[in-house]
Structures are given as C-alpha cells and as structure tokens.
Protein backbone atom coordinates (compact mmCIF):
# COMPACT_ATOMS: atom_id res chain seq x y z
CA UNK A 1 123.84 147.95 235.13
CA UNK A 2 126.56 145.95 233.36
CA UNK A 3 125.76 143.62 230.46
CA UNK A 4 126.12 139.91 231.11
CA UNK A 5 129.62 138.89 229.97
CA UNK A 6 128.47 135.35 229.17
CA UNK A 7 125.48 136.23 227.02
CA UNK A 8 126.42 134.01 224.07
CA UNK A 9 127.09 131.11 226.44
CA UNK A 10 123.60 131.56 227.86
CA UNK A 11 122.09 131.41 224.36
CA UNK A 12 124.03 128.30 223.37
CA UNK A 13 123.29 126.51 226.64
CA UNK A 14 119.61 127.41 226.46
CA UNK A 15 119.32 126.14 222.90
CA UNK A 16 121.08 122.88 223.74
CA UNK A 17 118.85 122.31 226.75
CA UNK A 18 115.73 122.96 224.69
CA UNK A 19 116.69 121.10 221.51
CA UNK A 20 115.24 117.75 222.60
CA UNK A 21 111.94 119.36 223.53
CA UNK A 22 111.74 121.22 220.23
CA UNK A 23 112.48 118.06 218.26
CA UNK A 24 109.59 116.34 220.03
CA UNK A 25 107.35 119.36 219.46
CA UNK A 26 107.82 118.92 215.72
CA UNK A 27 106.02 115.57 215.92
CA UNK A 28 103.23 117.13 217.96
CA UNK A 29 102.94 119.86 215.32
CA UNK A 30 102.37 117.34 212.52
CA UNK A 31 99.92 114.44 212.42
CA UNK A 32 102.13 112.36 210.14
CA UNK A 33 105.21 112.75 212.33
CA UNK A 34 103.16 112.09 215.45
CA UNK A 35 102.11 108.72 214.07
CA UNK A 36 105.63 107.84 212.90
CA UNK A 37 107.03 108.74 216.30
CA UNK A 38 104.40 106.70 218.17
CA UNK A 39 105.09 103.65 215.98
CA UNK A 40 108.85 103.86 216.44
CA UNK A 41 109.40 105.07 212.88
CA UNK A 42 111.54 108.03 213.88
CA UNK A 43 114.94 106.58 213.03
CA UNK A 44 117.82 109.00 213.65
CA UNK A 45 120.72 108.84 211.23
CA UNK A 46 124.21 108.53 212.72
CA UNK A 47 126.19 109.43 209.60
CA UNK A 48 126.90 108.55 205.99
CA UNK A 49 126.78 110.32 202.64
CA UNK A 50 123.08 109.47 202.17
CA UNK A 51 120.20 107.93 204.12
CA UNK A 52 119.92 104.32 202.93
CA UNK A 53 116.51 102.62 203.16
CA UNK A 54 116.53 98.90 202.34
CA UNK A 55 113.70 97.52 200.18
CA UNK A 56 112.41 94.00 199.63
CA UNK A 57 111.23 94.49 196.07
CA UNK A 58 110.53 90.91 194.88
CA UNK A 59 109.65 87.46 196.16
CA UNK A 60 112.28 84.71 196.42
CA UNK A 61 112.39 83.08 192.99
CA UNK A 62 113.44 79.67 194.32
CA UNK A 63 109.91 78.75 195.40
CA UNK A 64 108.91 75.44 193.79
CA UNK A 65 106.24 72.87 194.40
CA UNK A 66 107.68 69.36 194.34
CA UNK A 67 107.07 65.71 195.02
CA UNK A 68 109.48 63.06 196.28
CA UNK A 69 112.92 63.29 194.64
CA UNK A 70 112.16 66.26 192.35
CA UNK A 71 115.09 68.61 191.89
CA UNK A 72 114.64 71.79 193.91
CA UNK A 73 115.60 75.28 192.79
CA UNK A 74 118.58 76.43 194.86
CA UNK A 75 119.56 79.40 192.70
CA UNK A 76 120.09 82.57 194.76
CA UNK A 77 117.49 85.31 194.31
CA UNK A 78 118.15 89.02 194.15
CA UNK A 79 115.28 90.32 196.28
CA UNK A 80 116.71 93.28 198.20
CA UNK A 81 117.74 96.70 196.97
CA UNK A 82 117.91 100.11 198.64
CA UNK A 83 116.68 103.64 198.12
CA UNK A 84 119.08 106.46 198.91
CA UNK A 85 117.82 109.78 200.21
CA UNK A 86 119.90 112.93 200.55
CA UNK A 87 120.30 114.68 203.88
CA UNK A 88 118.35 117.92 203.63
CA UNK A 89 119.40 120.84 205.81
CA UNK A 90 117.67 123.88 207.29
CA UNK A 91 118.65 126.50 209.85
CA UNK A 92 117.43 129.58 211.67
CA UNK A 93 119.49 132.19 213.46
CA UNK A 94 119.18 133.83 216.87
CA UNK A 95 121.07 137.11 216.78
CA UNK A 96 121.63 140.17 218.93
CA UNK A 97 123.56 143.32 218.21
CA UNK A 98 125.74 145.22 220.63
CA UNK A 99 123.28 148.10 220.52
CA UNK A 100 120.41 145.82 221.53
CA UNK A 101 122.47 144.54 224.43
CA UNK A 102 123.01 148.13 225.57
CA UNK A 103 119.39 149.13 225.08
CA UNK A 104 118.17 146.12 227.02
CA UNK A 105 120.48 146.82 229.91
CA UNK A 106 120.34 144.45 232.81
CA UNK A 107 120.63 140.67 232.65
CA UNK A 108 116.92 140.06 233.13
CA UNK A 109 115.96 142.42 230.32
CA UNK A 110 118.45 140.80 227.94
CA UNK A 111 117.23 137.33 228.81
CA UNK A 112 113.61 138.39 228.22
CA UNK A 113 114.50 139.57 224.71
CA UNK A 114 116.55 136.45 224.02
CA UNK A 115 113.78 134.16 225.21
CA UNK A 116 111.37 135.70 222.72
CA UNK A 117 113.85 135.34 219.87
CA UNK A 118 114.74 131.77 220.78
CA UNK A 119 111.07 130.78 220.96
CA UNK A 120 110.41 132.43 217.61
CA UNK A 121 113.38 130.67 216.00
CA UNK A 122 112.27 127.31 217.36
CA UNK A 123 108.71 127.85 216.15
CA UNK A 124 109.94 128.93 212.72
CA UNK A 125 112.15 125.86 212.31
CA UNK A 126 109.61 123.30 213.48
CA UNK A 127 106.73 124.84 211.49
CA UNK A 128 108.72 124.82 208.27
CA UNK A 129 110.02 121.27 208.75
CA UNK A 130 106.46 120.11 209.52
CA UNK A 131 105.15 121.73 206.34
CA UNK A 132 108.03 120.35 204.27
CA UNK A 133 106.88 116.83 205.18
CA UNK A 134 104.03 117.38 202.70
CA UNK A 135 106.19 118.93 199.98
CA UNK A 136 107.39 117.71 196.60
CA UNK A 137 110.99 118.54 197.59
CA UNK A 138 111.56 121.17 194.90
CA UNK A 139 111.75 124.37 196.99
CA UNK A 140 115.05 126.22 197.20
CA UNK A 141 116.55 124.33 194.29
CA UNK A 142 115.73 120.89 195.68
CA UNK A 143 117.12 121.57 199.14
CA UNK A 144 113.74 120.84 200.71
CA UNK A 145 112.69 117.61 202.43
CA UNK A 146 111.07 115.19 199.99
CA UNK A 147 107.59 115.06 201.52
CA UNK A 148 104.38 113.21 200.70
CA UNK A 149 103.86 114.94 197.36
CA UNK A 150 107.15 113.40 196.22
CA UNK A 151 106.92 109.99 197.92
CA UNK A 152 103.22 109.41 197.14
CA UNK A 153 102.71 111.14 193.85
CA UNK A 154 99.63 111.93 191.79
CA UNK A 155 101.83 110.88 188.82
CA UNK A 156 103.43 107.69 190.15
CA UNK A 157 104.75 106.42 186.79
CA UNK A 158 107.23 109.27 186.39
CA UNK A 159 110.09 110.78 188.32
CA UNK A 160 112.75 109.38 190.61
CA UNK A 161 112.47 108.80 194.36
CA UNK A 162 115.40 107.66 196.47
CA UNK A 163 117.45 107.15 193.31
CA UNK A 164 114.92 104.64 191.86
CA UNK A 165 113.02 105.46 188.67
CA UNK A 166 109.26 105.04 188.95
CA UNK A 167 109.01 104.91 185.16
CA UNK A 168 111.19 101.79 185.13
CA UNK A 169 110.24 99.95 188.30
CA UNK A 170 106.58 99.15 188.90
CA UNK A 171 107.11 98.13 192.53
CA UNK A 172 108.07 101.73 193.29
CA UNK A 173 104.74 103.23 192.20
CA UNK A 174 102.11 104.25 194.72
CA UNK A 175 98.35 103.92 194.22
CA UNK A 176 96.20 106.86 193.13
CA UNK A 177 92.56 107.67 192.48
CA UNK A 178 91.00 110.70 190.84
CA UNK A 179 87.32 110.49 189.90
CA UNK A 180 87.43 113.47 187.57
CA UNK A 181 90.36 111.97 185.63
CA UNK A 182 88.03 109.12 184.61
CA UNK A 183 85.12 111.39 183.78
CA UNK A 184 83.51 111.08 187.21
CA UNK A 185 82.03 113.70 189.46
CA UNK A 186 84.05 115.97 191.70
CA UNK A 187 84.39 114.82 195.30
CA UNK A 188 81.38 115.59 197.47
CA UNK A 189 79.77 114.41 200.69
CA UNK A 190 77.70 112.01 198.57
CA UNK A 191 80.62 110.23 196.91
CA UNK A 192 83.70 110.80 199.09
CA UNK A 193 83.30 107.45 200.88
CA UNK A 194 82.96 105.55 197.61
CA UNK A 195 86.15 107.17 196.31
CA UNK A 196 87.95 106.38 199.55
CA UNK A 197 86.78 102.75 199.34
CA UNK A 198 88.19 102.35 195.83
CA UNK A 199 91.60 103.71 196.80
CA UNK A 200 91.72 101.81 200.09
CA UNK A 201 91.19 98.42 198.42
CA UNK A 202 94.17 99.03 196.14
CA UNK A 203 96.39 99.73 199.17
CA UNK A 204 95.69 96.47 201.04
CA UNK A 205 97.88 93.36 201.05
CA UNK A 206 96.73 90.73 203.49
CA UNK A 207 96.97 92.26 206.93
CA UNK A 208 98.87 95.25 205.54
CA UNK A 209 96.55 98.23 205.20
CA UNK A 210 96.60 102.01 205.67
CA UNK A 211 96.60 103.03 209.32
CA UNK A 212 96.56 106.80 208.82
CA UNK A 213 94.60 108.98 206.41
CA UNK A 214 95.76 112.59 206.14
CA UNK A 215 93.60 115.13 204.37
CA UNK A 216 93.46 118.82 203.65
CA UNK A 217 90.62 120.89 205.12
CA UNK A 218 88.27 120.35 202.17
CA UNK A 219 88.52 116.57 201.81
CA UNK A 220 88.42 116.12 205.58
CA UNK A 221 85.29 118.26 205.71
CA UNK A 222 83.60 116.20 202.99
CA UNK A 223 84.31 112.95 204.84
CA UNK A 224 83.30 114.48 208.19
CA UNK A 225 79.99 115.76 206.84
CA UNK A 226 79.29 112.39 205.22
CA UNK A 227 79.53 110.82 208.69
CA UNK A 228 77.71 113.34 210.83
CA UNK A 229 74.41 111.48 210.67
CA UNK A 230 76.05 108.57 212.49
CA UNK A 231 78.75 110.54 214.36
CA UNK A 232 81.68 108.12 214.07
CA UNK A 233 84.05 110.53 215.81
CA UNK A 234 86.83 109.46 218.15
CA UNK A 235 88.41 111.27 221.04
CA UNK A 236 91.25 113.68 220.40
CA UNK A 237 93.74 111.65 222.41
CA UNK A 238 93.27 108.29 220.66
CA UNK A 239 96.78 107.68 219.41
CA UNK A 240 97.15 111.07 217.78
CA UNK A 241 98.46 113.23 220.65
CA UNK A 242 95.70 115.81 220.53
CA UNK A 243 94.88 115.68 216.80
CA UNK A 244 91.12 115.53 216.26
CA UNK A 245 90.46 112.39 214.25
CA UNK A 246 87.70 110.44 212.58
CA UNK A 247 87.87 106.73 211.80
CA UNK A 248 87.89 104.86 208.50
CA UNK A 249 88.45 101.09 208.30
CA UNK A 250 90.39 101.20 211.56
CA UNK A 251 92.61 104.08 210.39
CA UNK A 252 92.71 107.51 211.98
CA UNK A 253 91.56 110.23 209.59
CA UNK A 254 93.04 113.61 210.46
CA UNK A 255 93.25 116.98 208.81
CA UNK A 256 96.69 118.49 208.86
CA UNK A 257 95.32 121.68 207.47
CA UNK A 258 93.75 124.30 209.67
CA UNK A 259 95.54 127.62 209.88
CA UNK A 260 98.95 127.31 208.24
CA UNK A 261 98.61 123.56 207.70
CA UNK A 262 100.82 121.86 205.16
CA UNK A 263 98.48 119.25 203.63
CA UNK A 264 98.10 120.03 199.89
CA UNK A 265 94.74 121.27 198.62
CA UNK A 266 92.12 118.66 197.72
CA UNK A 267 94.29 115.66 198.51
CA UNK A 268 93.88 112.75 200.91
CA UNK A 269 96.78 110.40 201.63
CA UNK A 270 96.23 106.76 202.61
CA UNK A 271 99.39 105.91 204.54
CA UNK A 272 100.78 102.63 205.75
CA UNK A 273 103.21 104.05 208.28
CA UNK A 274 104.99 100.72 208.70
CA UNK A 275 106.90 101.74 205.59
CA UNK A 276 107.41 105.47 206.19
CA UNK A 277 110.27 106.87 208.27
CA UNK A 278 111.29 110.22 209.73
CA UNK A 279 115.10 110.25 209.59
CA UNK A 280 116.69 113.26 211.32
CA UNK A 281 120.44 113.24 211.91
CA UNK A 282 121.06 112.52 215.58
CA UNK A 283 123.41 115.53 215.89
CA UNK A 284 121.17 117.97 214.00
CA UNK A 285 117.67 117.23 215.25
CA UNK A 286 116.55 120.79 215.97
CA UNK A 287 119.88 121.37 217.68
CA UNK A 288 122.39 124.25 217.88
CA UNK A 289 124.99 124.36 215.13
CA UNK A 290 128.33 124.90 216.84
CA UNK A 291 128.84 127.84 219.16
CA UNK A 292 127.98 131.50 218.76
CA UNK A 293 129.54 133.35 215.85
CA UNK A 294 130.72 136.95 215.79
CA UNK A 295 132.14 138.71 212.76
CA UNK A 296 135.40 140.57 213.27
CA UNK A 297 133.90 143.68 211.65
CA UNK A 298 130.44 143.60 213.21
CA UNK A 299 129.15 144.35 216.71
CA UNK A 300 126.72 141.43 216.89
CA UNK A 301 126.62 137.70 217.51
CA UNK A 302 124.63 134.91 215.86
CA UNK A 303 123.76 131.44 217.10
CA UNK A 304 122.40 128.98 214.52
CA UNK A 305 119.90 126.23 215.21
CA UNK A 306 119.41 123.59 212.56
CA UNK A 307 117.96 120.40 211.17
CA UNK A 308 119.34 117.73 208.84
CA UNK A 309 117.48 114.65 207.65
CA UNK A 310 114.66 113.55 205.40
CA UNK A 311 111.40 111.66 205.14
CA UNK A 312 111.93 108.21 203.62
CA UNK A 313 109.91 105.25 202.39
CA UNK A 314 110.65 101.59 201.66
CA UNK A 315 107.32 100.54 200.16
CA UNK A 316 105.36 102.60 197.64
CA UNK A 317 102.62 100.34 196.32
CA UNK A 318 100.89 100.12 199.72
CA UNK A 319 100.55 103.92 199.86
CA UNK A 320 97.88 105.91 198.04
CA UNK A 321 96.59 109.39 197.26
CA UNK A 322 93.05 110.56 196.47
CA UNK A 323 93.01 113.86 194.61
CA UNK A 324 90.66 116.19 192.75
C-alpha cells in the first residue's frame, strides 16, 4: 500500500489543531497555573524584546494634611517602575524516518505511530513547562523559566529578579519563615499551623492576602494530618479544576507534588495570585514552530513544537515561603 504523500502536512495540521488544547492542559497539569488561568492572570505576550511587568513600588509623596490656605505639595512623584523578564524558550520534536514510513505501510498504520509520538511530545513539553514553574531558572545555563524558587526566594535579600536587585530594593523582597533558622523545631503536625500563621500574617495588607498555598508532599501531609481530627477538606472541584485541596484562611492549599510533581522539597508557598502572571507568547503557546523540516542529506522529517514565555510577578512583599 502506498505511503501517504502528505504525511508532513498531516503532522503539522494535527499539531496546529491540538495546540490550543495542549496549552490549556498545561494549566490543568499545574495547580499554580490553574489558579492563574482561572483568575485571568494568563496574559499572552504579543511581542517585544522582553516581558515588561509594571510595578507600583511606592506611595504618592504629595500626600499632605492641611487646613484652610496651607500650601499643598504638588511635586510629581516617581511611583511606578517595571520589571523585565526574558522570553524563555523550549521545544520538542516529532520525527519520522523514511524507513519507519515504509515499515508502517498504510496510512492508518502511519497515523497510529504519529499519534503516539505527537501525544508523547505534547506530554513532554507540558510536563517540563509545568515543573519549570517551580524552578530557580538556572537549568540549561539560565534558559529555564524563572519559577517560584526564583520569584519567591528563601534568600530574598540577594539576587536579581526581573532586572531589579533584591539587595538594593526592599520592596522587591518576599516574606519567608524557617523555624529551624531561628533555633526552632523542625516542622511537624504539632507546629505546622503555627508556622503557617506566622508567615501568613506577614503576607497580608488590608484585604490583600494569599489565596493559594502550594506545598510539596511532606508539608502538605503535615498540614493535612494536623486537620484530620476536624476534617476541613473541600471538594476537588472547588476552583482548582480537579486538584484536591484543603483550606487555610480562605486560601486553597494544594500539593503540586505527587508522582513527578515539581514543588520543591519541604517548601510551602503562600501566593497572592493577583500579582503573579503566566506570560506565554501568543504565537508560541505550545504551538508548532514553522512547517516540517527535512535535511537534504537525511531520509527523515522533523516537526518542532514549542513554547516561549515566562512566569512574572509585580509584587514580592505579599508573597511568602515556608521552608525547612
């Protein structure tokens, strides 16, 4: 039976038709991205050298109490700056050699093989992007997404995020709490709520408070076991698209661990997702990169599928991390 003459076109068309679904599946594969997506914090980038995230970093200095004809302060105030985040890129390849096309003779057989490879490529890309959202951004020479370990650091007075030095600018430092760093006891079911309370209070400003707590398996287990006597457990579909969640001060508490989870060991992030953003490029959001490619000296074709974007933040001091 002859081989399909439009095999590469089938691959490209299939990938393009599935790219929107795969991009959405990334959010479902990651509790943090699920929350950002549900709160409208997935903000595609249309272009530009960097991803610019505006920041209100100070109050207006012209505020003045006065009486009658007192002179008011009308001097302009510099209250807005911006963080700049690089576009990070990643790709996977769907390939097939001429020999494989011959061995899988018949259009249906070829399509069965391609379907398996496309599904595997999609799963590989979305799993790695989901895990990178918890990274410190250093993998592959800094080509990785700057995830939670970068944005919400256990050492918030050092390093640079979005081009802004945390050593210089206090407004750009997140909150942290580690009991053992102050000579306290290691986290346990007996003290995990007390430690969470201390961090939570430092992350609240008026009505602004954490709405999502993300933990690794161990810290989630400690909190879960501390609650089991009163069973404050919510349904799996309450705002988290299937993620099993507990509740803490009105915030969903989820574990993004499990098998192959990306949450770092013995860490719990207190996130105010009003100030976190998932910023994929609109033309590279789990989408095919160009058309199929075939080397002049090789009997095979390759179709690339890729991602470009980053995780960004425009407020650090309302975010926190509890760690061992």
